[in-house]
Amino acid sequence: MKFEDRLAHRVQATRGSVKKFLGRATGNPRLEAEGRREQGRGNVKRAADKLRDAFKR
């Protein structure tokens, strides 16, 4: 897996975490849900990267 791809997945998860936090802080349920969704997608992609690397070896 390319470093850029790994970094993009980590950034996606972090961006989702920030959106989720801001949604909670401002009382915006739509932003919080969007953040949860984006964080989840990033975490799933990161897990897939780790699994792919485990089977490479």
C-alpha atoms as a PDB file:
ATOM      1  CA  MET A   1       0.000   0.000   0.000  1.00  0.00           C
ATOM      2  CA  LYS A   2       1.304   3.417  -0.910  1.00  0.00           C
ATOM      3  CA  PHE A   3       2.178   5.864   1.811  1.00  0.00           C
ATOM      4  CA  GLU A   4      -0.093   8.473   0.221  1.00  0.00           C
ATOM      5  CA  ASP A   5      -3.073   6.108   0.405  1.00  0.00           C
ATOM      6  CA  ARG A   6      -2.403   5.299   4.047  1.00  0.00           C
ATOM      7  CA  LEU A   7      -2.101   8.976   4.843  1.00  0.00           C
ATOM      8  CA  ALA A   8      -5.331   9.790   2.997  1.00  0.00           C
ATOM      9  CA  HIS A   9      -7.213   7.157   4.998  1.00  0.00           C
ATOM     10  CA  ARG A  10      -5.820   8.469   8.270  1.00  0.00           C
ATOM     11  CA  VAL A  11      -6.731  12.037   7.297  1.00  0.00           C
ATOM     12  CA  GLN A  12     -10.269  10.925   6.412  1.00  0.00           C
ATOM     13  CA  ALA A  13     -10.707   9.302   9.829  1.00  0.00           C
ATOM     14  CA  THR A  14      -9.288  12.351  11.608  1.00  0.00           C
ATOM     15  CA  ARG A  15     -11.438  14.760   9.605  1.00  0.00           C
ATOM     16  CA  GLY A  16     -14.487  12.704  10.562  1.00  0.00           C
ATOM     17  CA  SER A  17     -13.491  12.809  14.202  1.00  0.00           C
ATOM     18  CA  VAL A  18     -13.214  16.596  14.076  1.00  0.00           C
ATOM     19  CA  LYS A  19     -16.603  16.933  12.357  1.00  0.00           C
ATOM     20  CA  LYS A  20     -18.176  14.657  14.946  1.00  0.00           C
ATOM     21  CA  PHE A  21     -16.693  16.737  17.770  1.00  0.00           C
ATOM     22  CA  LEU A  22     -17.822  20.017  16.208  1.00  0.00           C
ATOM     23  CA  GLY A  23     -21.293  18.615  15.638  1.00  0.00           C
ATOM     24  CA  ARG A  24     -21.574  17.661  19.296  1.00  0.00           C
ATOM     25  CA  ALA A  25     -20.133  20.973  20.480  1.00  0.00           C
ATOM     26  CA  THR A  26     -22.499  23.056  18.359  1.00  0.00           C
ATOM     27  CA  GLY A  27     -25.538  20.826  18.767  1.00  0.00           C
ATOM     28  CA  ASN A  28     -25.668  20.096  15.038  1.00  0.00           C
ATOM     29  CA  PRO A  29     -26.830  16.472  14.666  1.00  0.00           C
ATOM     30  CA  ARG A  30     -26.325  16.470  10.884  1.00  0.00           C
ATOM     31  CA  LEU A  31     -22.670  17.463  11.203  1.00  0.00           C
ATOM     32  CA  GLU A  32     -22.149  14.940  13.994  1.00  0.00           C
ATOM     33  CA  ALA A  33     -23.665  12.139  11.883  1.00  0.00           C
ATOM     34  CA  GLU A  34     -21.595  13.153   8.870  1.00  0.00           C
ATOM     35  CA  GLY A  35     -18.475  13.070  11.033  1.00  0.00           C
ATOM     36  CA  ARG A  36     -19.324   9.635  12.402  1.00  0.00           C
ATOM     37  CA  ARG A  37     -19.868   8.338   8.882  1.00  0.00           C
ATOM     38  CA  GLU A  38     -16.610   9.809   7.560  1.00  0.00           C
ATOM     39  CA  GLN A  39     -14.629   8.585  10.561  1.00  0.00           C
ATOM     40  CA  GLY A  40     -16.047   5.096  10.101  1.00  0.00           C
ATOM     41  CA  ARG A  41     -15.142   5.011   6.422  1.00  0.00           C
ATOM     42  CA  GLY A  42     -11.585   6.083   7.163  1.00  0.00           C
ATOM     43  CA  ASN A  43     -11.231   3.483   9.913  1.00  0.00           C
ATOM     44  CA  VAL A  44     -12.559   0.710   7.658  1.00  0.00           C
ATOM     45  CA  LYS A  45     -10.106   1.680   4.926  1.00  0.00           C
ATOM     46  CA  ARG A  46      -7.248   1.698   7.445  1.00  0.00           C
ATOM     47  CA  ALA A  47      -8.253  -1.767   8.673  1.00  0.00           C
ATOM     48  CA  ALA A  48      -8.352  -3.014   5.075  1.00  0.00           C
ATOM     49  CA  ASP A  49      -4.840  -1.633   4.532  1.00  0.00           C
ATOM     50  CA  LYS A  50      -3.564  -3.496   7.581  1.00  0.00           C
ATOM     51  CA  LEU A  51      -5.256  -6.710   6.490  1.00  0.00           C
ATOM     52  CA  ARG A  52      -3.853  -6.389   2.970  1.00  0.00           C
ATOM     53  CA  ASP A  53      -0.354  -5.894   4.376  1.00  0.00           C
ATOM     54  CA  ALA A  54      -0.724  -8.908   6.665  1.00  0.00           C
ATOM     55  CA  PHE A  55      -1.466 -11.168   3.704  1.00  0.00           C
ATOM     56  CA  LYS A  56       1.355  -9.691   1.629  1.00  0.00           C
ATOM     57  CA  ARG A  57       3.954 -11.155   3.950  1.00  0.00           C
END
